[in-house]
Amino acid sequence: MKLELKERLELFDETSSLKDIQTYIKDMTKERNFNGGTIENKMMLLVEEVGELAKAIRIDIKDGVDSSKIYDTSVEEELADVFIYLLDIANRHHIDLLTALQNKERRNCKREWK
């Protein structure tokens, strides 16, 4: 029997793998009909979320924002949104993000950093 998304979500903990989370995002986007649209649209949505993350950070550190205004955002929520879109884009390109990270870091480990 297939677990519902909410039940699957509650099974995640600090030992959950990136692959498990990426699979969850794939299933979630399908179930919520977020799997349509173009990759360009998904990229724009990711960039929009990165902008919202930047705003949330500015609010958090009180850098040039209207202190009399109440903002309904948080760095935590915006990071989660960015992560969701990033995994969705990886899924659309059939990229295992853990493998991609390992491959990239193997290359980076060979570089000389100054």
PDB file of N, CA and C in Angstrom:
ATOM      1  N   MET A   1       0.837  -1.185   0.000  1.00  0.00           N
ATOM      2  CA  MET A   1       0.000   0.000   0.000  1.00  0.00           C
ATOM      3  C   MET A   1       0.882   1.250   0.000  1.00  0.00           C
ATOM      4  N   LYS A   2       0.559   2.168  -0.876  1.00  0.00           N
ATOM      5  CA  LYS A   2       1.344   3.390  -0.991  1.00  0.00           C
ATOM      6  C   LYS A   2       0.946   4.381   0.112  1.00  0.00           C
ATOM      7  N   LEU A   3       1.939   4.875   0.818  1.00  0.00           N
ATOM      8  CA  LEU A   3       1.673   5.850   1.868  1.00  0.00           C
ATOM      9  C   LEU A   3       1.294   7.197   1.259  1.00  0.00           C
ATOM     10  N   GLU A   4       0.411   7.887   1.910  1.00  0.00           N
ATOM     11  CA  GLU A   4       0.054   9.236   1.499  1.00  0.00           C
ATOM     12  C   GLU A   4       1.254  10.157   1.712  1.00  0.00           C
ATOM     13  N   LEU A   5       1.274  11.267   0.979  1.00  0.00           N
ATOM     14  CA  LEU A   5       2.404  12.198   1.090  1.00  0.00           C
ATOM     15  C   LEU A   5       2.636  12.641   2.528  1.00  0.00           C
ATOM     16  N   LYS A   6       1.566  12.996   3.220  1.00  0.00           N
ATOM     17  CA  LYS A   6       1.725  13.486   4.596  1.00  0.00           C
ATOM     18  C   LYS A   6       2.350  12.415   5.487  1.00  0.00           C
ATOM     19  N   GLU A   7       1.931  11.169   5.312  1.00  0.00           N
ATOM     20  CA  GLU A   7       2.501  10.075   6.096  1.00  0.00           C
ATOM     21  C   GLU A   7       3.979   9.891   5.760  1.00  0.00           C
ATOM     22  N   ARG A   8       4.307   9.963   4.490  1.00  0.00           N
ATOM     23  CA  ARG A   8       5.705   9.830   4.070  1.00  0.00           C
ATOM     24  C   ARG A   8       6.548  10.964   4.632  1.00  0.00           C
ATOM     25  N   LEU A   9       5.994  12.161   4.612  1.00  0.00           N
ATOM     26  CA  LEU A   9       6.709  13.329   5.116  1.00  0.00           C
ATOM     27  C   LEU A   9       7.072  13.141   6.592  1.00  0.00           C
ATOM     28  N   GLU A  10       6.153  12.593   7.350  1.00  0.00           N
ATOM     29  CA  GLU A  10       6.386  12.402   8.784  1.00  0.00           C
ATOM     30  C   GLU A  10       7.450  11.347   9.077  1.00  0.00           C
ATOM     31  N   LEU A  11       7.772  10.515   8.098  1.00  0.00           N
ATOM     32  CA  LEU A  11       8.809   9.500   8.280  1.00  0.00           C
ATOM     33  C   LEU A  11      10.221  10.057   8.111  1.00  0.00           C
ATOM     34  N   PHE A  12      10.333  11.256   7.528  1.00  0.00           N
ATOM     35  CA  PHE A  12      11.648  11.858   7.337  1.00  0.00           C
ATOM     36  C   PHE A  12      12.237  12.273   8.681  1.00  0.00           C
ATOM     37  N   ASP A  13      13.532  12.052   8.812  1.00  0.00           N
ATOM     38  CA  ASP A  13      14.269  12.545   9.965  1.00  0.00           C
ATOM     39  C   ASP A  13      15.706  12.818   9.524  1.00  0.00           C
ATOM     40  N   GLU A  14      16.593  13.042  10.479  1.00  0.00           N
ATOM     41  CA  GLU A  14      17.971  13.413  10.131  1.00  0.00           C
ATOM     42  C   GLU A  14      18.717  12.292   9.412  1.00  0.00           C
ATOM     43  N   THR A  15      18.172  11.078   9.404  1.00  0.00           N
ATOM     44  CA  THR A  15      18.829   9.979   8.700  1.00  0.00           C
ATOM     45  C   THR A  15      18.280   9.779   7.285  1.00  0.00           C
ATOM     46  N   SER A  16      17.294  10.567   6.900  1.00  0.00           N
ATOM     47  CA  SER A  16      16.700  10.432   5.567  1.00  0.00           C
ATOM     48  C   SER A  16      17.722  10.809   4.497  1.00  0.00           C
ATOM     49  N   SER A  17      17.688  10.075   3.397  1.00  0.00           N
ATOM     50  CA  SER A  17      18.644  10.342   2.330  1.00  0.00           C
ATOM     51  C   SER A  17      18.120  11.422   1.386  1.00  0.00           C
ATOM     52  N   LEU A  18      19.052  12.047   0.698  1.00  0.00           N
ATOM     53  CA  LEU A  18      18.679  13.027  -0.315  1.00  0.00           C
ATOM     54  C   LEU A  18      17.845  12.356  -1.399  1.00  0.00           C
ATOM     55  N   LYS A  19      18.178  11.119  -1.740  1.00  0.00           N
ATOM     56  CA  LYS A  19      17.421  10.363  -2.744  1.00  0.00           C
ATOM     57  C   LYS A  19      15.972  10.185  -2.295  1.00  0.00           C
ATOM     58  N   ASP A  20      15.760   9.871  -1.013  1.00  0.00           N
ATOM     59  CA  ASP A  20      14.391   9.735  -0.490  1.00  0.00           C
ATOM     60  C   ASP A  20      13.629  11.046  -0.613  1.00  0.00           C
ATOM     61  N   ILE A  21      14.284  12.127  -0.280  1.00  0.00           N
ATOM     62  CA  ILE A  21      13.630  13.437  -0.354  1.00  0.00           C
ATOM     63  C   ILE A  21      13.353  13.803  -1.805  1.00  0.00           C
ATOM     64  N   GLN A  22      14.307  13.538  -2.694  1.00  0.00           N
ATOM     65  CA  GLN A  22      14.122  13.844  -4.116  1.00  0.00           C
ATOM     66  C   GLN A  22      12.962  13.027  -4.682  1.00  0.00           C
ATOM     67  N   THR A  23      12.839  11.777  -4.280  1.00  0.00           N
ATOM     68  CA  THR A  23      11.720  10.946  -4.728  1.00  0.00           C
ATOM     69  C   THR A  23      10.398  11.486  -4.195  1.00  0.00           C
ATOM     70  N   TYR A  24      10.394  11.923  -2.949  1.00  0.00           N
ATOM     71  CA  TYR A  24       9.191  12.526  -2.368  1.00  0.00           C
ATOM     72  C   TYR A  24       8.757  13.747  -3.181  1.00  0.00           C
ATOM     73  N   ILE A  25       9.715  14.612  -3.532  1.00  0.00           N
ATOM     74  CA  ILE A  25       9.395  15.813  -4.313  1.00  0.00           C
ATOM     75  C   ILE A  25       8.842  15.424  -5.673  1.00  0.00           C
ATOM     76  N   LYS A  26       9.399  14.404  -6.291  1.00  0.00           N
ATOM     77  CA  LYS A  26       8.886  13.927  -7.583  1.00  0.00           C
ATOM     78  C   LYS A  26       7.427  13.494  -7.454  1.00  0.00           C
ATOM     79  N   ASP A  27       7.133  12.719  -6.430  1.00  0.00           N
ATOM     80  CA  ASP A  27       5.762  12.250  -6.220  1.00  0.00           C
ATOM     81  C   ASP A  27       4.827  13.400  -5.828  1.00  0.00           C
ATOM     82  N   MET A  28       5.319  14.314  -5.005  1.00  0.00           N
ATOM     83  CA  MET A  28       4.510  15.448  -4.564  1.00  0.00           C
ATOM     84  C   MET A  28       4.127  16.334  -5.738  1.00  0.00           C
ATOM     85  N   THR A  29       5.092  16.634  -6.610  1.00  0.00           N
ATOM     86  CA  THR A  29       4.773  17.506  -7.746  1.00  0.00           C
ATOM     87  C   THR A  29       3.770  16.839  -8.684  1.00  0.00           C
ATOM     88  N   LYS A  30       3.868  15.536  -8.812  1.00  0.00           N
ATOM     89  CA  LYS A  30       2.906  14.805  -9.648  1.00  0.00           C
ATOM     90  C   LYS A  30       1.514  14.833  -9.017  1.00  0.00           C
ATOM     91  N   GLU A  31       1.442  14.516  -7.722  1.00  0.00           N
ATOM     92  CA  GLU A  31       0.142  14.465  -7.042  1.00  0.00           C
ATOM     93  C   GLU A  31      -0.558  15.822  -7.028  1.00  0.00           C
ATOM     94  N   ARG A  32       0.205  16.897  -6.891  1.00  0.00           N
ATOM     95  CA  ARG A  32      -0.379  18.244  -6.820  1.00  0.00           C
ATOM     96  C   ARG A  32      -0.468  18.911  -8.190  1.00  0.00           C
ATOM     97  N   ASN A  33      -0.172  18.156  -9.240  1.00  0.00           N
ATOM     98  CA  ASN A  33      -0.205  18.673 -10.613  1.00  0.00           C
ATOM     99  C   ASN A  33       0.742  19.849 -10.826  1.00  0.00           C
ATOM    100  N   PHE A  34       1.890  19.804 -10.140  1.00  0.00           N
ATOM    101  CA  PHE A  34       2.931  20.817 -10.326  1.00  0.00           C
ATOM    102  C   PHE A  34       3.970  20.342 -11.338  1.00  0.00           C
ATOM    103  N   ASN A  35       3.741  19.175 -11.949  1.00  0.00           N
ATOM    104  CA  ASN A  35       4.746  18.603 -12.835  1.00  0.00           C
ATOM    105  C   ASN A  35       4.594  19.054 -14.280  1.00  0.00           C
ATOM    106  N   GLY A  36       3.667  19.948 -14.538  1.00  0.00           N
ATOM    107  CA  GLY A  36       3.506  20.489 -15.886  1.00  0.00           C
ATOM    108  C   GLY A  36       4.357  21.726 -16.075  1.00  0.00           C
ATOM    109  N   GLY A  37       4.173  22.377 -17.174  1.00  0.00           N
ATOM    110  CA  GLY A  37       4.919  23.601 -17.452  1.00  0.00           C
ATOM    111  C   GLY A  37       6.307  23.297 -17.983  1.00  0.00           C
ATOM    112  N   THR A  38       6.942  24.332 -18.424  1.00  0.00           N
ATOM    113  CA  THR A  38       8.259  24.205 -19.029  1.00  0.00           C
ATOM    114  C   THR A  38       9.358  24.295 -17.974  1.00  0.00           C
ATOM    115  N   ILE A  39      10.522  23.826 -18.353  1.00  0.00           N
ATOM    116  CA  ILE A  39      11.671  23.949 -17.462  1.00  0.00           C
ATOM    117  C   ILE A  39      12.027  25.423 -17.263  1.00  0.00           C
ATOM    118  N   GLU A  40      11.779  26.234 -18.287  1.00  0.00           N
ATOM    119  CA  GLU A  40      12.035  27.670 -18.161  1.00  0.00           C
ATOM    120  C   GLU A  40      11.152  28.268 -17.074  1.00  0.00           C
ATOM    121  N   ASN A  41       9.882  27.832 -17.030  1.00  0.00           N
ATOM    122  CA  ASN A  41       8.969  28.312 -15.999  1.00  0.00           C
ATOM    123  C   ASN A  41       9.451  27.895 -14.616  1.00  0.00           C
ATOM    124  N   LYS A  42       9.897  26.654 -14.485  1.00  0.00           N
ATOM    125  CA  LYS A  42      10.404  26.183 -13.192  1.00  0.00           C
ATOM    126  C   LYS A  42      11.637  26.970 -12.769  1.00  0.00           C
ATOM    127  N   MET A  43      12.483  27.294 -13.745  1.00  0.00           N
ATOM    128  CA  MET A  43      13.680  28.071 -13.440  1.00  0.00           C
ATOM    129  C   MET A  43      13.309  29.471 -12.959  1.00  0.00           C
ATOM    130  N   MET A  44      12.328  30.078 -13.608  1.00  0.00           N
ATOM    131  CA  MET A  44      11.879  31.405 -13.164  1.00  0.00           C
ATOM    132  C   MET A  44      11.301  31.344 -11.759  1.00  0.00           C
ATOM    133  N   LEU A  45      10.545  30.275 -11.459  1.00  0.00           N
ATOM    134  CA  LEU A  45       9.991  30.118 -10.119  1.00  0.00           C
ATOM    135  C   LEU A  45      11.096  29.940  -9.090  1.00  0.00           C
ATOM    136  N   LEU A  46      12.152  29.199  -9.447  1.00  0.00           N
ATOM    137  CA  LEU A  46      13.287  29.035  -8.543  1.00  0.00           C
ATOM    138  C   LEU A  46      13.952  30.378  -8.271  1.00  0.00           C
ATOM    139  N   VAL A  47      14.168  31.153  -9.321  1.00  0.00           N
ATOM    140  CA  VAL A  47      14.801  32.470  -9.159  1.00  0.00           C
ATOM    141  C   VAL A  47      13.923  33.379  -8.298  1.00  0.00           C
ATOM    142  N   GLU A  48      12.620  33.308  -8.509  1.00  0.00           N
ATOM    143  CA  GLU A  48      11.685  34.088  -7.691  1.00  0.00           C
ATOM    144  C   GLU A  48      11.817  33.699  -6.218  1.00  0.00           C
ATOM    145  N   GLU A  49      11.906  32.397  -5.955  1.00  0.00           N
ATOM    146  CA  GLU A  49      12.058  31.942  -4.571  1.00  0.00           C
ATOM    147  C   GLU A  49      13.397  32.376  -3.981  1.00  0.00           C
ATOM    148  N   VAL A  50      14.445  32.393  -4.788  1.00  0.00           N
ATOM    149  CA  VAL A  50      15.743  32.885  -4.303  1.00  0.00           C
ATOM    150  C   VAL A  50      15.621  34.364  -3.919  1.00  0.00           C
ATOM    151  N   GLY A  51      14.878  35.127  -4.713  1.00  0.00           N
ATOM    152  CA  GLY A  51      14.622  36.525  -4.366  1.00  0.00           C
ATOM    153  C   GLY A  51      13.875  36.657  -3.049  1.00  0.00           C
ATOM    154  N   GLU A  52      12.882  35.795  -2.841  1.00  0.00           N
ATOM    155  CA  GLU A  52      12.136  35.815  -1.587  1.00  0.00           C
ATOM    156  C   GLU A  52      13.034  35.414  -0.419  1.00  0.00           C
ATOM    157  N   LEU A  53      13.969  34.500  -0.664  1.00  0.00           N
ATOM    158  CA  LEU A  53      14.937  34.134   0.366  1.00  0.00           C
ATOM    159  C   LEU A  53      15.822  35.329   0.712  1.00  0.00           C
ATOM    160  N   ALA A  54      16.270  36.051  -0.303  1.00  0.00           N
ATOM    161  CA  ALA A  54      17.096  37.241  -0.062  1.00  0.00           C
ATOM    162  C   ALA A  54      16.334  38.267   0.778  1.00  0.00           C
ATOM    163  N   LYS A  55      15.062  38.463   0.470  1.00  0.00           N
ATOM    164  CA  LYS A  55      14.239  39.408   1.233  1.00  0.00           C
ATOM    165  C   LYS A  55      14.084  38.926   2.671  1.00  0.00           C
ATOM    166  N   ALA A  56      13.841  37.625   2.856  1.00  0.00           N
ATOM    167  CA  ALA A  56      13.689  37.082   4.204  1.00  0.00           C
ATOM    168  C   ALA A  56      14.963  37.280   5.024  1.00  0.00           C
ATOM    169  N   ILE A  57      16.115  37.118   4.381  1.00  0.00           N
ATOM    170  CA  ILE A  57      17.385  37.332   5.084  1.00  0.00           C
ATOM    171  C   ILE A  57      17.537  38.805   5.445  1.00  0.00           C
ATOM    172  N   ARG A  58      17.184  39.693   4.508  1.00  0.00           N
ATOM    173  CA  ARG A  58      17.250  41.136   4.814  1.00  0.00           C
ATOM    174  C   ARG A  58      16.344  41.479   5.985  1.00  0.00           C
ATOM    175  N   ILE A  59      15.155  40.882   6.027  1.00  0.00           N
ATOM    176  CA  ILE A  59      14.226  41.122   7.133  1.00  0.00           C
ATOM    177  C   ILE A  59      14.836  40.592   8.427  1.00  0.00           C
ATOM    178  N   ASP A  60      15.406  39.411   8.366  1.00  0.00           N
ATOM    179  CA  ASP A  60      15.982  38.767   9.544  1.00  0.00           C
ATOM    180  C   ASP A  60      17.113  39.588  10.145  1.00  0.00           C
ATOM    181  N   ILE A  61      17.943  40.186   9.294  1.00  0.00           N
ATOM    182  CA  ILE A  61      19.070  40.976   9.809  1.00  0.00           C
ATOM    183  C   ILE A  61      18.743  42.471   9.880  1.00  0.00           C
ATOM    184  N   LYS A  62      17.489  42.792   9.555  1.00  0.00           N
ATOM    185  CA  LYS A  62      17.000  44.176   9.620  1.00  0.00           C
ATOM    186  C   LYS A  62      17.855  45.128   8.782  1.00  0.00           C
ATOM    187  N   ASP A  63      18.073  44.725   7.538  1.00  0.00           N
ATOM    188  CA  ASP A  63      18.913  45.492   6.627  1.00  0.00           C
ATOM    189  C   ASP A  63      18.059  46.252   5.617  1.00  0.00           C
ATOM    190  N   GLY A  64      17.728  47.472   5.946  1.00  0.00           N
ATOM    191  CA  GLY A  64      17.038  48.341   5.005  1.00  0.00           C
ATOM    192  C   GLY A  64      15.598  47.962   4.722  1.00  0.00           C
ATOM    193  N   VAL A  65      14.914  47.355   5.674  1.00  0.00           N
ATOM    194  CA  VAL A  65      13.500  47.030   5.483  1.00  0.00           C
ATOM    195  C   VAL A  65      12.659  47.894   6.403  1.00  0.00           C
ATOM    196  N   ASP A  66      11.420  48.056   6.036  1.00  0.00           N
ATOM    197  CA  ASP A  66      10.477  48.856   6.819  1.00  0.00           C
ATOM    198  C   ASP A  66      10.190  48.144   8.136  1.00  0.00           C
ATOM    199  N   SER A  67      10.733  48.671   9.236  1.00  0.00           N
ATOM    200  CA  SER A  67      10.591  48.015  10.536  1.00  0.00           C
ATOM    201  C   SER A  67       9.185  48.128  11.094  1.00  0.00           C
ATOM    202  N   SER A  68       8.363  48.993  10.519  1.00  0.00           N
ATOM    203  CA  SER A  68       6.984  49.110  11.004  1.00  0.00           C
ATOM    204  C   SER A  68       6.060  48.097  10.329  1.00  0.00           C
ATOM    205  N   LYS A  69       6.551  47.445   9.283  1.00  0.00           N
ATOM    206  CA  LYS A  69       5.744  46.483   8.533  1.00  0.00           C
ATOM    207  C   LYS A  69       5.938  45.080   9.102  1.00  0.00           C
ATOM    208  N   ILE A  70       4.866  44.315   9.105  1.00  0.00           N
ATOM    209  CA  ILE A  70       4.945  42.923   9.533  1.00  0.00           C
ATOM    210  C   ILE A  70       5.052  42.058   8.284  1.00  0.00           C
ATOM    211  N   TYR A  71       6.114  41.267   8.206  1.00  0.00           N
ATOM    212  CA  TYR A  71       6.371  40.426   7.052  1.00  0.00           C
ATOM    213  C   TYR A  71       5.976  38.980   7.374  1.00  0.00           C
ATOM    214  N   ASP A  72       5.313  38.357   6.426  1.00  0.00           N
ATOM    215  CA  ASP A  72       4.879  36.972   6.601  1.00  0.00           C
ATOM    216  C   ASP A  72       5.799  36.050   5.810  1.00  0.00           C
ATOM    217  N   THR A  73       7.043  35.967   6.240  1.00  0.00           N
ATOM    218  CA  THR A  73       8.029  35.123   5.578  1.00  0.00           C
ATOM    219  C   THR A  73       9.109  34.769   6.580  1.00  0.00           C
ATOM    220  N   SER A  74       9.851  33.749   6.274  1.00  0.00           N
ATOM    221  CA  SER A  74      10.981  33.386   7.129  1.00  0.00           C
ATOM    222  C   SER A  74      12.070  32.779   6.260  1.00  0.00           C
ATOM    223  N   VAL A  75      13.291  32.873   6.745  1.00  0.00           N
ATOM    224  CA  VAL A  75      14.419  32.291   6.033  1.00  0.00           C
ATOM    225  C   VAL A  75      14.194  30.777   5.898  1.00  0.00           C
ATOM    226  N   GLU A  76      13.707  30.152   6.941  1.00  0.00           N
ATOM    227  CA  GLU A  76      13.468  28.705   6.923  1.00  0.00           C
ATOM    228  C   GLU A  76      12.491  28.307   5.819  1.00  0.00           C
ATOM    229  N   GLU A  77      11.360  28.999   5.737  1.00  0.00           N
ATOM    230  CA  GLU A  77      10.362  28.668   4.706  1.00  0.00           C
ATOM    231  C   GLU A  77      10.886  28.919   3.305  1.00  0.00           C
ATOM    232  N   GLU A  78      11.595  30.016   3.108  1.00  0.00           N
ATOM    233  CA  GLU A  78      12.096  30.338   1.778  1.00  0.00           C
ATOM    234  C   GLU A  78      13.202  29.369   1.355  1.00  0.00           C
ATOM    235  N   LEU A  79      14.045  28.949   2.302  1.00  0.00           N
ATOM    236  CA  LEU A  79      15.047  27.922   1.978  1.00  0.00           C
ATOM    237  C   LEU A  79      14.363  26.630   1.546  1.00  0.00           C
ATOM    238  N   ALA A  80      13.292  26.266   2.234  1.00  0.00           N
ATOM    239  CA  ALA A  80      12.545  25.058   1.864  1.00  0.00           C
ATOM    240  C   ALA A  80      11.976  25.195   0.452  1.00  0.00           C
ATOM    241  N   ASP A  81      11.423  26.355   0.123  1.00  0.00           N
ATOM    242  CA  ASP A  81      10.883  26.567  -1.225  1.00  0.00           C
ATOM    243  C   ASP A  81      11.970  26.448  -2.289  1.00  0.00           C
ATOM    244  N   VAL A  82      13.131  27.046  -2.027  1.00  0.00           N
ATOM    245  CA  VAL A  82      14.255  26.959  -2.973  1.00  0.00           C
ATOM    246  C   VAL A  82      14.672  25.500  -3.145  1.00  0.00           C
ATOM    247  N   PHE A  83      14.749  24.769  -2.053  1.00  0.00           N
ATOM    248  CA  PHE A  83      15.142  23.359  -2.087  1.00  0.00           C
ATOM    249  C   PHE A  83      14.145  22.534  -2.905  1.00  0.00           C
ATOM    250  N   ILE A  84      12.859  22.792  -2.703  1.00  0.00           N
ATOM    251  CA  ILE A  84      11.818  22.068  -3.449  1.00  0.00           C
ATOM    252  C   ILE A  84      11.965  22.309  -4.944  1.00  0.00           C
ATOM    253  N   TYR A  85      12.114  23.560  -5.352  1.00  0.00           N
ATOM    254  CA  TYR A  85      12.264  23.854  -6.787  1.00  0.00           C
ATOM    255  C   TYR A  85      13.563  23.280  -7.340  1.00  0.00           C
ATOM    256  N   LEU A  86      14.622  23.332  -6.564  1.00  0.00           N
ATOM    257  CA  LEU A  86      15.897  22.763  -7.013  1.00  0.00           C
ATOM    258  C   LEU A  86      15.756  21.259  -7.264  1.00  0.00           C
ATOM    259  N   LEU A  87      15.124  20.557  -6.342  1.00  0.00           N
ATOM    260  CA  LEU A  87      14.924  19.120  -6.523  1.00  0.00           C
ATOM    261  C   LEU A  87      13.978  18.830  -7.682  1.00  0.00           C
ATOM    262  N   ASP A  88      12.970  19.664  -7.852  1.00  0.00           N
ATOM    263  CA  ASP A  88      12.042  19.486  -8.972  1.00  0.00           C
ATOM    264  C   ASP A  88      12.777  19.634 -10.307  1.00  0.00           C
ATOM    265  N   ILE A  89      13.634  20.627 -10.411  1.00  0.00           N
ATOM    266  CA  ILE A  89      14.404  20.828 -11.644  1.00  0.00           C
ATOM    267  C   ILE A  89      15.347  19.642 -11.873  1.00  0.00           C
ATOM    268  N   ALA A  90      15.987  19.168 -10.815  1.00  0.00           N
ATOM    269  CA  ALA A  90      16.858  17.993 -10.938  1.00  0.00           C
ATOM    270  C   ALA A  90      16.052  16.789 -11.433  1.00  0.00           C
ATOM    271  N   ASN A  91      14.873  16.593 -10.874  1.00  0.00           N
ATOM    272  CA  ASN A  91      14.023  15.477 -11.301  1.00  0.00           C
ATOM    273  C   ASN A  91      13.638  15.590 -12.768  1.00  0.00           C
ATOM    274  N   ARG A  92      13.308  16.789 -13.218  1.00  0.00           N
ATOM    275  CA  ARG A  92      12.904  16.986 -14.609  1.00  0.00           C
ATOM    276  C   ARG A  92      14.044  16.675 -15.575  1.00  0.00           C
ATOM    277  N   HIS A  93      15.271  16.809 -15.097  1.00  0.00           N
ATOM    278  CA  HIS A  93      16.446  16.500 -15.918  1.00  0.00           C
ATOM    279  C   HIS A  93      16.986  15.101 -15.631  1.00  0.00           C
ATOM    280  N   HIS A  94      16.262  14.350 -14.810  1.00  0.00           N
ATOM    281  CA  HIS A  94      16.663  12.983 -14.466  1.00  0.00           C
ATOM    282  C   HIS A  94      18.054  12.943 -13.844  1.00  0.00           C
ATOM    283  N   ILE A  95      18.292  13.901 -12.949  1.00  0.00           N
ATOM    284  CA  ILE A  95      19.583  14.010 -12.274  1.00  0.00           C
ATOM    285  C   ILE A  95      19.422  13.588 -10.825  1.00  0.00           C
ATOM    286  N   ASP A  96      20.220  12.618 -10.409  1.00  0.00           N
ATOM    287  CA  ASP A  96      20.300  12.244  -9.004  1.00  0.00           C
ATOM    288  C   ASP A  96      21.205  13.300  -8.359  1.00  0.00           C
ATOM    289  N   LEU A  97      20.619  14.150  -7.548  1.00  0.00           N
ATOM    290  CA  LEU A  97      21.359  15.299  -7.024  1.00  0.00           C
ATOM    291  C   LEU A  97      22.511  14.887  -6.106  1.00  0.00           C
ATOM    292  N   LEU A  98      22.356  13.798  -5.376  1.00  0.00           N
ATOM    293  CA  LEU A  98      23.455  13.327  -4.539  1.00  0.00           C
ATOM    294  C   LEU A  98      24.649  12.921  -5.395  1.00  0.00           C
ATOM    295  N   THR A  99      24.401  12.174  -6.449  1.00  0.00           N
ATOM    296  CA  THR A  99      25.477  11.767  -7.361  1.00  0.00           C
ATOM    297  C   THR A  99      26.110  12.989  -8.016  1.00  0.00           C
ATOM    298  N   ALA A 100      25.277  13.947  -8.424  1.00  0.00           N
ATOM    299  CA  ALA A 100      25.792  15.171  -9.038  1.00  0.00           C
ATOM    300  C   ALA A 100      26.684  15.934  -8.066  1.00  0.00           C
ATOM    301  N   LEU A 101      26.264  16.010  -6.809  1.00  0.00           N
ATOM    302  CA  LEU A 101      27.066  16.689  -5.786  1.00  0.00           C
ATOM    303  C   LEU A 101      28.394  15.976  -5.585  1.00  0.00           C
ATOM    304  N   GLN A 102      28.352  14.659  -5.486  1.00  0.00           N
ATOM    305  CA  GLN A 102      29.585  13.901  -5.296  1.00  0.00           C
ATOM    306  C   GLN A 102      30.538  14.087  -6.470  1.00  0.00           C
ATOM    307  N   ASN A 103      30.016  14.005  -7.687  1.00  0.00           N
ATOM    308  CA  ASN A 103      30.851  14.181  -8.878  1.00  0.00           C
ATOM    309  C   ASN A 103      31.475  15.573  -8.924  1.00  0.00           C
ATOM    310  N   LYS A 104      30.673  16.579  -8.618  1.00  0.00           N
ATOM    311  CA  LYS A 104      31.178  17.956  -8.642  1.00  0.00           C
ATOM    312  C   LYS A 104      32.246  18.157  -7.571  1.00  0.00           C
ATOM    313  N   GLU A 105      32.007  17.635  -6.383  1.00  0.00           N
ATOM    314  CA  GLU A 105      32.981  17.801  -5.303  1.00  0.00           C
ATOM    315  C   GLU A 105      34.263  17.026  -5.569  1.00  0.00           C
ATOM    316  N   ARG A 106      34.160  15.884  -6.253  1.00  0.00           N
ATOM    317  CA  ARG A 106      35.382  15.163  -6.639  1.00  0.00           C
ATOM    318  C   ARG A 106      36.250  16.049  -7.533  1.00  0.00           C
ATOM    319  N   ARG A 107      35.596  16.738  -8.466  1.00  0.00           N
ATOM    320  CA  ARG A 107      36.334  17.676  -9.333  1.00  0.00           C
ATOM    321  C   ARG A 107      36.891  18.831  -8.525  1.00  0.00           C
ATOM    322  N   ASN A 108      36.071  19.365  -7.607  1.00  0.00           N
ATOM    323  CA  ASN A 108      36.516  20.497  -6.799  1.00  0.00           C
ATOM    324  C   ASN A 108      37.688  20.123  -5.896  1.00  0.00           C
ATOM    325  N   CYS A 109      37.722  18.884  -5.417  1.00  0.00           N
ATOM    326  CA  CYS A 109      38.806  18.443  -4.532  1.00  0.00           C
ATOM    327  C   CYS A 109      40.150  18.410  -5.240  1.00  0.00           C
ATOM    328  N   LYS A 110      40.126  18.327  -6.545  1.00  0.00           N
ATOM    329  CA  LYS A 110      41.359  18.314  -7.324  1.00  0.00           C
ATOM    330  C   LYS A 110      41.872  19.713  -7.619  1.00  0.00           C
ATOM    331  N   ARG A 111      41.039  20.711  -7.353  1.00  0.00           N
ATOM    332  CA  ARG A 111      41.437  22.096  -7.621  1.00  0.00           C
ATOM    333  C   ARG A 111      42.258  22.648  -6.462  1.00  0.00           C
ATOM    334  N   GLU A 112      43.059  23.645  -6.789  1.00  0.00           N
ATOM    335  CA  GLU A 112      43.810  24.332  -5.746  1.00  0.00           C
ATOM    336  C   GLU A 112      43.050  25.598  -5.405  1.00  0.00           C
ATOM    337  N   TRP A 113      42.635  25.709  -4.161  1.00  0.00           N
ATOM    338  CA  TRP A 113      41.830  26.845  -3.700  1.00  0.00           C
ATOM    339  C   TRP A 113      42.722  27.852  -2.976  1.00  0.00           C
ATOM    340  N   LYS A 114      42.631  29.107  -3.406  1.00  0.00           N
ATOM    341  CA  LYS A 114      43.442  30.157  -2.771  1.00  0.00           C
ATOM    342  C   LYS A 114      42.557  31.206  -2.185  1.00  0.00           C
TER     343      LYS A 114
END
